[in-house]
């Protein structure tokens, strides 16, 4: 395994920035694992990550999904509970679901809640917050439109948020996806992040962008070409 990773890295020209299309083609060609690797995009932004007004955060429904089953829980009561179940939520509840999580159950990927129940869900802040699982109105996961929220998540909605160094990591699919689907997902992410640029951010916004697979090397992209590219 180690030798294969080294061999894959040696094929990448040091200091060269690749087109998105060439980088994705290389990732698919260099994949050698027995499992279907996730393709990840890392975007280094020209922001001051210490300033709250330069935080970049958002969510987008990838046009071709992310290639994995997403387990969704919903905090809701009454008619909204039925709406969530009909939309495909895996677990729905209120006090019972909160108690289950307080006892250590965290076997889910995303959480959605209706606004009227957030007072109760707030008890889980210390458990869900650090794991990025807390429902958030800015990301569309605190809403009365549960059908829309659940269906979007199930169909490939991804969230992104700048980390301490001003870097965003976003999955854009699986190595098994055909190249066109990965290209479309990647460009959708880039477009969303560009639109989320803070007004207070000065200078070059997209500083560095790279793609990698779970076990593969990171490949630097030509940012200038990336921002003008169109998926045909």
Protein backbone atom coordinates (compact mmCIF):
# COMPACT_ATOMS: atom_id res chain seq x y z
CA UNK A 1 0.00 0.00 0.00
CA UNK A 2 2.78 2.42 0.96
CA UNK A 3 4.68 1.74 -2.25
CA UNK A 4 1.58 2.42 -4.33
CA UNK A 5 1.00 5.76 -2.61
CA UNK A 6 4.63 6.74 -3.21
CA UNK A 7 4.37 5.70 -6.86
CA UNK A 8 1.21 7.76 -7.27
CA UNK A 9 2.85 10.82 -5.72
CA UNK A 10 5.86 10.48 -8.01
CA UNK A 11 3.60 10.90 -11.04
CA UNK A 12 2.62 14.36 -9.87
CA UNK A 13 4.97 17.11 -11.01
CA UNK A 14 6.19 19.09 -8.01
CA UNK A 15 5.13 22.71 -8.18
CA UNK A 16 2.72 22.15 -11.06
CA UNK A 17 -0.88 23.27 -10.84
CA UNK A 18 -3.28 21.03 -12.73
CA UNK A 19 -6.61 21.69 -14.39
CA UNK A 20 -9.56 20.29 -12.45
CA UNK A 21 -10.31 17.87 -15.27
CA UNK A 22 -6.74 16.50 -15.36
CA UNK A 23 -6.58 16.23 -11.55
CA UNK A 24 -9.80 14.23 -11.35
CA UNK A 25 -8.67 11.97 -14.19
CA UNK A 26 -5.45 11.30 -12.30
CA UNK A 27 -7.25 10.52 -9.04
CA UNK A 28 -9.45 7.97 -10.79
CA UNK A 29 -6.46 6.41 -12.54
CA UNK A 30 -4.34 6.25 -9.37
CA UNK A 31 -7.04 4.73 -7.14
CA UNK A 32 -5.95 1.30 -5.91
CA UNK A 33 -7.94 0.62 -2.74
CA UNK A 34 -10.53 -2.13 -2.33
CA UNK A 35 -13.10 0.41 -1.11
CA UNK A 36 -14.69 3.31 -2.97
CA UNK A 37 -12.60 6.30 -1.92
CA UNK A 38 -14.13 9.71 -1.22
CA UNK A 39 -12.89 12.61 -3.32
CA UNK A 40 -12.25 15.68 -1.18
CA UNK A 41 -11.64 19.29 -2.17
CA UNK A 42 -9.54 21.59 0.05
CA UNK A 43 -9.87 25.35 -0.46
CA UNK A 44 -7.45 27.76 1.23
CA UNK A 45 -9.14 31.16 1.47
CA UNK A 46 -7.63 34.62 1.74
CA UNK A 47 -9.49 35.55 4.90
CA UNK A 48 -8.58 36.32 8.49
CA UNK A 49 -10.01 33.22 10.17
CA UNK A 50 -9.76 34.90 13.59
CA UNK A 51 -12.38 37.50 12.63
CA UNK A 52 -15.98 36.36 12.99
CA UNK A 53 -17.12 38.61 10.15
CA UNK A 54 -14.84 36.69 7.79
CA UNK A 55 -16.19 33.26 8.65
CA UNK A 56 -17.23 31.42 5.49
CA UNK A 57 -19.99 28.93 6.08
CA UNK A 58 -22.69 27.47 3.90
CA UNK A 59 -24.36 24.44 2.41
CA UNK A 60 -25.06 23.21 -1.09
CA UNK A 61 -26.91 20.31 -2.66
CA UNK A 62 -24.39 18.67 -4.96
CA UNK A 63 -25.91 18.03 -8.41
CA UNK A 64 -24.77 14.40 -8.36
CA UNK A 65 -24.88 13.62 -4.64
CA UNK A 66 -21.98 12.37 -2.54
CA UNK A 67 -22.30 8.65 -3.17
CA UNK A 68 -23.12 7.54 0.36
CA UNK A 69 -26.17 6.81 2.45
CA UNK A 70 -26.77 9.65 4.91
CA UNK A 71 -28.55 8.90 8.18
CA UNK A 72 -30.84 11.81 9.12
CA UNK A 73 -32.59 12.39 12.44
CA UNK A 74 -35.34 14.94 12.97
CA UNK A 75 -36.48 16.59 16.18
CA UNK A 76 -40.20 17.24 15.74
CA UNK A 77 -43.63 16.67 17.24
CA UNK A 78 -47.18 16.04 16.01
CA UNK A 79 -47.90 16.49 12.29
CA UNK A 80 -44.31 17.52 11.65
CA UNK A 81 -43.16 14.14 12.94
CA UNK A 82 -45.22 12.41 10.24
CA UNK A 83 -43.93 14.85 7.59
CA UNK A 84 -40.34 13.99 8.51
CA UNK A 85 -40.98 10.24 8.35
CA UNK A 86 -42.75 10.53 5.00
CA UNK A 87 -39.76 12.51 3.65
CA UNK A 88 -37.40 9.67 4.54
CA UNK A 89 -35.94 10.65 7.92
CA UNK A 90 -34.31 7.67 9.62
CA UNK A 91 -35.20 8.63 13.19
CA UNK A 92 -37.81 11.13 14.39
CA UNK A 93 -38.69 12.19 17.91
CA UNK A 94 -38.50 14.82 20.61
CA UNK A 95 -37.77 14.21 24.30
CA UNK A 96 -37.23 10.49 23.65
CA UNK A 97 -34.66 11.17 20.92
CA UNK A 98 -32.90 13.80 23.03
CA UNK A 99 -32.65 11.37 25.93
CA UNK A 100 -31.26 8.66 23.64
CA UNK A 101 -28.50 11.02 22.48
CA UNK A 102 -27.75 12.13 26.03
CA UNK A 103 -27.14 8.47 26.83
CA UNK A 104 -24.44 8.31 24.16
CA UNK A 105 -26.19 7.38 20.93
CA UNK A 106 -24.67 9.27 17.98
CA UNK A 107 -25.23 6.89 15.09
CA UNK A 108 -26.36 9.51 12.55
CA UNK A 109 -24.86 11.97 10.06
CA UNK A 110 -27.20 14.98 10.09
CA UNK A 111 -29.81 16.45 12.42
CA UNK A 112 -32.80 18.63 11.56
CA UNK A 113 -35.24 20.33 13.93
CA UNK A 114 -38.35 22.48 13.83
CA UNK A 115 -37.81 25.96 15.35
CA UNK A 116 -40.36 25.39 18.13
CA UNK A 117 -38.40 22.49 19.57
CA UNK A 118 -34.94 24.08 19.55
CA UNK A 119 -35.31 25.03 23.22
CA UNK A 120 -35.18 21.33 24.02
CA UNK A 121 -32.54 20.48 21.42
CA UNK A 122 -30.31 23.18 22.94
CA UNK A 123 -29.60 20.75 25.79
CA UNK A 124 -27.51 18.75 23.30
CA UNK A 125 -25.26 21.67 22.35
CA UNK A 126 -22.16 20.34 24.09
CA UNK A 127 -22.63 16.91 22.51
CA UNK A 128 -23.63 17.86 18.98
CA UNK A 129 -21.88 21.22 18.54
CA UNK A 130 -18.25 19.98 18.54
CA UNK A 131 -19.23 17.21 16.11
CA UNK A 132 -20.89 19.59 13.67
CA UNK A 133 -24.25 17.89 14.20
CA UNK A 134 -26.23 20.70 15.82
CA UNK A 135 -29.20 21.93 13.72
CA UNK A 136 -28.53 25.43 12.39
CA UNK A 137 -31.02 27.84 10.76
CA UNK A 138 -28.26 29.32 8.56
CA UNK A 139 -27.71 25.87 7.04
CA UNK A 140 -31.39 25.13 6.58
CA UNK A 141 -31.51 22.46 9.28
CA UNK A 142 -33.77 24.44 11.64
CA UNK A 143 -36.97 24.75 9.63
CA UNK A 144 -40.65 23.91 9.48
CA UNK A 145 -40.18 22.69 5.90
CA UNK A 146 -38.93 19.28 7.01
CA UNK A 147 -39.74 17.55 3.74
CA UNK A 148 -37.43 19.86 1.80
CA UNK A 149 -34.64 19.69 4.41
CA UNK A 150 -34.62 15.90 4.66
CA UNK A 151 -34.84 15.34 0.91
CA UNK A 152 -31.99 17.78 0.22
CA UNK A 153 -29.72 16.07 2.75
CA UNK A 154 -30.59 12.62 1.43
CA UNK A 155 -29.90 13.72 -2.15
CA UNK A 156 -26.42 15.07 -1.42
CA UNK A 157 -26.43 18.30 0.56
CA UNK A 158 -23.00 19.10 2.02
CA UNK A 159 -22.07 21.75 4.55
CA UNK A 160 -18.80 23.65 4.66
CA UNK A 161 -17.11 25.88 7.19
CA UNK A 162 -13.70 27.51 7.42
CA UNK A 163 -11.30 25.91 9.87
CA UNK A 164 -8.73 27.76 11.99
CA UNK A 165 -6.27 28.28 9.15
CA UNK A 166 -8.96 29.52 6.75
CA UNK A 167 -9.23 26.19 4.95
CA UNK A 168 -12.45 24.49 3.88
CA UNK A 169 -12.71 20.74 3.25
CA UNK A 170 -15.67 19.47 1.23
CA UNK A 171 -16.41 15.98 -0.14
CA UNK A 172 -17.40 16.09 -3.81
CA UNK A 173 -18.22 12.44 -4.44
CA UNK A 174 -16.61 9.04 -4.87
CA UNK A 175 -13.75 7.86 -7.08
CA UNK A 176 -16.28 5.55 -8.79
CA UNK A 177 -18.23 8.57 -10.09
CA UNK A 178 -17.64 9.30 -13.75
CA UNK A 179 -15.40 12.29 -14.38
CA UNK A 180 -18.22 14.57 -15.51
CA UNK A 181 -20.18 14.08 -12.28
CA UNK A 182 -17.14 14.91 -10.16
CA UNK A 183 -16.46 17.99 -12.29
CA UNK A 184 -20.03 19.21 -11.88
CA UNK A 185 -19.96 18.67 -8.12
CA UNK A 186 -16.59 20.40 -7.76
CA UNK A 187 -17.67 23.46 -9.75
CA UNK A 188 -20.91 23.70 -7.75
CA UNK A 189 -18.85 23.84 -4.54
CA UNK A 190 -16.46 26.47 -5.92
CA UNK A 191 -19.37 28.60 -7.14
CA UNK A 192 -21.07 28.40 -3.73
CA UNK A 193 -17.90 29.36 -1.86
CA UNK A 194 -17.23 32.30 -4.18
CA UNK A 195 -20.77 33.57 -3.58
CA UNK A 196 -20.18 33.25 0.19
CA UNK A 197 -17.17 35.61 0.12
CA UNK A 198 -17.30 37.96 3.13
CA UNK A 199 -17.56 41.67 2.19
CA UNK A 200 -14.65 42.40 4.57
CA UNK A 201 -12.29 39.94 2.85
CA UNK A 202 -9.62 41.82 0.88
CA UNK A 203 -7.15 40.67 -1.73
CA UNK A 204 -7.07 37.24 -3.34
CA UNK A 205 -9.96 35.15 -2.06
CA UNK A 206 -9.23 31.68 -3.48
CA UNK A 207 -5.55 31.25 -2.61
CA UNK A 208 -5.03 27.52 -3.07
CA UNK A 209 -7.30 24.67 -4.12
CA UNK A 210 -6.49 20.98 -4.24
CA UNK A 211 -8.27 17.67 -4.66
CA UNK A 212 -7.42 14.30 -3.18
CA UNK A 213 -8.91 10.88 -2.65
CA UNK A 214 -9.04 9.15 0.74
CA UNK A 215 -5.75 7.33 0.27
CA UNK A 216 -4.33 9.29 -2.65
CA UNK A 217 -2.02 12.33 -2.86
CA UNK A 218 -3.27 15.91 -2.93
CA UNK A 219 -3.16 17.57 -6.36
CA UNK A 220 -2.86 21.36 -6.59
CA UNK A 221 -5.24 23.04 -9.01
CA UNK A 222 -4.71 26.04 -11.27
CA UNK A 223 -6.95 28.52 -9.44
CA UNK A 224 -7.07 31.01 -12.31
CA UNK A 225 -8.40 28.36 -14.70
CA UNK A 226 -10.72 26.99 -12.03
CA UNK A 227 -12.57 30.27 -11.51
CA UNK A 228 -13.20 30.72 -15.22
CA UNK A 229 -13.97 27.08 -16.03
CA UNK A 230 -17.35 25.99 -17.27
CA UNK A 231 -18.63 22.44 -17.07
CA UNK A 232 -19.87 21.41 -20.50
